Protein backbone atom coordinates (compact mmCIF):
# COMPACT_ATOMS: atom_id res chain seq x y z
CA MET A 1 24.00 53.72 -15.50
CA ARG A 2 26.75 56.55 -16.23
CA LEU A 3 25.45 59.98 -15.90
CA LEU A 4 26.81 62.76 -17.17
CA LEU A 5 26.55 66.43 -15.91
CA ARG A 6 26.56 69.14 -17.80
CA CYS A 7 28.04 72.44 -15.85
CA ASP A 8 30.82 74.87 -15.50
CA ALA A 9 31.49 77.66 -13.34
CA ALA A 10 33.47 80.77 -13.15
CA LYS A 11 33.65 83.11 -9.89
CA ASP A 12 30.23 85.65 -11.30
CA ILE A 13 28.10 82.96 -12.72
CA GLY A 14 26.97 79.61 -12.42
CA THR A 15 27.71 78.07 -9.25
CA GLY A 16 23.75 77.39 -8.28
CA HIS A 17 24.27 75.54 -11.11
CA VAL A 18 26.83 73.01 -10.27
CA MET A 19 25.24 72.71 -6.79
CA ARG A 20 22.05 71.77 -8.27
CA CYS A 21 24.07 69.14 -10.43
CA LEU A 22 26.07 68.06 -7.38
CA ALA A 23 22.66 67.14 -5.35
CA LEU A 24 21.78 65.28 -8.07
CA ALA A 25 24.95 64.05 -8.66
CA GLU A 26 24.68 62.54 -4.63
CA GLN A 27 20.70 60.88 -5.74
CA ALA A 28 22.57 59.19 -8.42
CA THR A 29 25.45 58.16 -6.84
CA SER A 30 23.45 56.94 -3.70
CA ARG A 31 21.19 54.95 -5.75
CA GLY A 32 24.30 52.99 -7.06
CA HIS A 33 24.70 54.94 -10.64
CA GLU A 34 28.29 56.60 -11.71
CA VAL A 35 28.70 60.03 -12.20
CA VAL A 36 30.64 62.31 -13.88
CA ILE A 37 30.53 66.41 -14.26
CA CYS A 38 31.45 67.53 -17.66
CA GLY A 39 33.00 71.27 -17.78
CA GLU A 40 34.66 74.42 -17.03
CA VAL A 41 35.58 74.93 -13.30
CA SER A 42 37.83 77.90 -11.97
CA VAL A 43 36.25 78.36 -8.68
CA GLY A 44 38.28 76.70 -6.05
CA TRP A 45 35.55 75.99 -3.54
CA VAL A 46 33.27 74.27 -5.97
CA ARG A 47 35.42 72.19 -7.71
CA ARG A 48 36.49 71.37 -3.39
CA ARG A 49 32.99 70.18 -3.02
CA ILE A 50 32.92 67.88 -6.05
CA ALA A 51 35.97 66.07 -4.90
CA GLU A 52 34.39 66.24 -1.23
CA HIS A 53 31.45 63.44 -2.82
CA GLN A 54 34.12 61.50 -5.23
CA ILE A 55 32.37 62.70 -8.68
CA ASP A 56 34.88 63.05 -11.12
CA LEU A 57 35.29 66.70 -12.91
CA VAL A 58 36.39 66.58 -16.38
CA ALA A 59 36.74 69.72 -18.69
CA ALA A 60 34.73 69.49 -21.65
CA PRO A 61 36.72 69.88 -24.87
CA ALA A 62 36.91 72.89 -26.37
CA SER A 63 35.32 71.70 -29.70
CA TRP A 64 31.75 71.88 -27.31
CA SER A 65 32.44 76.00 -27.32
CA VAL A 66 30.65 75.69 -30.47
CA LEU A 67 28.07 73.77 -29.70
CA MET A 68 26.82 76.07 -26.90
CA ARG A 69 25.99 79.28 -29.10
């Protein structure tokens, strides 16, 4: 199964949410699932943490911003 987790993080907000999503991603991958995190993550240490766990991070399409209002 493929799991897509949508989360964003900037300097002042969102890093905790990404860390919780990363914990979910770790559990899913340990069970053999493929995980992709999709969002805008502009915090360097958060991006590195995601990469350390070998989770793919892809930018959210700009058109998704309409859905988030």
